[in-house]
Amino acid sequence: MNTFRAGTLRDRIHILRRTGIKDEWGLPLPQAWENLTSRAIAADVRHNSGLNAINADADVSVVRASIRIRRRTDVDAGMRVLFGGPLYEIEAIYPGRNGECIDLVCKRIPGHKT
């Protein structure tokens, strides 16, 4: 059996979800985010290089990342990832080959730093 090695998850991230707080008109407040967990989540964060973006005919000004974490069922596209200072939007979630992890396909949110 091929097991997932925890030593490969050397980065620490926070996953953020909307709080559900709304304004007086019932619209969700854009700045209303909270941590999904009370502690940082172990992850393997990988950024696509500029060369990969050029070869893929992608917009090189867009910073993309692939983030691998242990399998969770409470993470959805549209949530955010805080890694260091920058924020990333989760665009898609893919299951890992062995079912022990998931891969988050993310795009950096320009101009946002904590």
Protein backbone atom coordinates (compact mmCIF):
# COMPACT_ATOMS: atom_id res chain seq x y z
CA MET A 1 0.00 0.00 0.00
CA ASN A 2 1.33 3.41 -0.97
CA THR A 3 0.97 5.71 2.05
CA PHE A 4 1.14 9.47 2.12
CA ARG A 5 4.27 10.75 3.87
CA ALA A 6 3.64 13.62 6.28
CA GLY A 7 7.22 14.90 5.84
CA THR A 8 6.32 16.21 2.40
CA LEU A 9 3.96 18.79 3.97
CA ARG A 10 6.53 21.35 5.14
CA ASP A 11 4.58 24.58 4.63
CA ARG A 12 1.90 25.99 6.94
CA ILE A 13 -1.25 27.62 5.60
CA HIS A 14 -4.58 28.90 6.85
CA ILE A 15 -7.76 28.23 4.91
CA LEU A 16 -10.32 31.02 5.16
CA ARG A 17 -14.07 30.81 4.66
CA ARG A 18 -16.74 33.48 4.52
CA THR A 19 -18.27 34.23 7.91
CA GLY A 20 -21.80 34.69 6.63
CA ILE A 21 -21.98 38.18 8.13
CA LYS A 22 -24.22 40.43 6.04
CA ASP A 23 -24.79 44.16 5.79
CA GLU A 24 -28.09 45.94 6.47
CA TRP A 25 -29.33 45.02 2.95
CA GLY A 26 -28.60 41.33 3.44
CA LEU A 27 -25.53 41.26 1.18
CA PRO A 28 -22.44 39.33 2.33
CA LEU A 29 -19.62 41.59 3.49
CA PRO A 30 -16.54 41.07 1.28
CA GLN A 31 -14.09 41.40 4.16
CA ALA A 32 -15.90 38.92 6.39
CA TRP A 33 -13.51 35.92 6.42
CA GLU A 34 -12.48 33.57 9.24
CA ASN A 35 -10.05 30.70 9.69
CA LEU A 36 -11.48 27.27 8.90
CA THR A 37 -9.37 25.77 11.71
CA SER A 38 -7.82 27.20 14.85
CA ARG A 39 -4.35 25.94 13.88
CA ALA A 40 -2.27 26.15 10.73
CA ILE A 41 -2.67 23.29 8.24
CA ALA A 42 0.34 21.34 6.97
CA ALA A 43 0.73 21.76 3.21
CA ASP A 44 3.05 21.49 0.23
CA VAL A 45 2.85 24.79 -1.69
CA ARG A 46 4.23 24.89 -5.23
CA HIS A 47 4.21 27.89 -7.54
CA ASN A 48 4.22 27.52 -11.30
CA SER A 49 7.31 29.11 -12.77
CA GLY A 50 7.11 31.94 -15.27
CA LEU A 51 8.52 29.66 -17.94
CA ASN A 52 5.70 27.16 -17.38
CA ALA A 53 3.16 29.97 -17.69
CA ILE A 54 4.72 31.20 -20.94
CA ASN A 55 4.83 27.68 -22.38
CA ALA A 56 1.17 27.21 -21.50
CA ASP A 57 0.22 30.52 -23.18
CA ALA A 58 -1.02 31.76 -19.82
CA ASP A 59 -1.08 35.32 -18.49
CA VAL A 60 2.29 35.59 -16.70
CA SER A 61 1.02 38.33 -14.40
CA VAL A 62 -1.27 35.79 -12.74
CA VAL A 63 0.47 33.90 -9.94
CA ARG A 64 -0.80 30.34 -9.65
CA ALA A 65 -0.10 27.79 -6.96
CA SER A 66 -0.83 24.15 -6.36
CA ILE A 67 -1.31 23.36 -2.67
CA ARG A 68 -1.43 19.77 -1.42
CA ILE A 69 -2.99 19.06 1.99
CA ARG A 70 -4.33 16.01 3.78
CA ARG A 71 -7.81 15.02 2.58
CA ARG A 72 -10.59 17.17 4.02
CA THR A 73 -14.28 17.39 3.19
CA ASP A 74 -14.82 20.95 4.48
CA VAL A 75 -12.81 22.80 1.80
CA ASP A 76 -14.60 24.30 -1.22
CA ALA A 77 -13.72 26.33 -4.28
CA GLY A 78 -14.17 30.01 -3.48
CA MET A 79 -12.46 29.74 -0.11
CA ARG A 80 -9.10 31.42 0.37
CA VAL A 81 -5.63 30.32 1.44
CA LEU A 82 -3.29 32.49 3.48
CA PHE A 83 0.34 31.48 2.90
CA GLY A 84 2.82 33.87 4.46
CA GLY A 85 1.50 37.30 3.49
CA PRO A 86 -0.29 36.75 0.16
CA LEU A 87 -3.86 35.51 -0.19
CA TYR A 88 -4.86 32.91 -2.77
CA GLU A 89 -8.32 32.07 -4.06
CA ILE A 90 -9.11 28.36 -4.34
CA GLU A 91 -10.35 27.79 -7.90
CA ALA A 92 -10.63 23.99 -7.92
CA ILE A 93 -10.01 20.94 -5.75
CA TYR A 94 -8.69 17.66 -7.10
CA PRO A 95 -8.41 14.38 -5.19
CA GLY A 96 -4.94 12.89 -4.83
CA ARG A 97 -4.08 9.55 -6.41
CA ASN A 98 -4.25 7.56 -3.21
CA GLY A 99 -7.20 9.35 -1.57
CA GLU A 100 -5.10 10.56 1.35
CA CYS A 101 -4.63 14.10 0.05
CA ILE A 102 -6.28 16.78 -2.06
CA ASP A 103 -4.72 19.36 -4.38
CA LEU A 104 -5.99 22.93 -4.27
CA VAL A 105 -5.60 24.87 -7.52
CA CYS A 106 -5.17 28.50 -6.47
CA LYS A 107 -4.68 31.96 -7.93
CA ARG A 108 -3.04 34.79 -5.98
CA ILE A 109 -5.36 37.69 -5.23
CA PRO A 110 -3.49 40.80 -6.49
CA GLY A 111 -2.78 43.53 -3.99
CA HIS A 112 -3.75 41.56 -0.91
CA LYS A 113 -1.20 41.05 1.84
CA THR A 114 -1.69 40.70 5.53
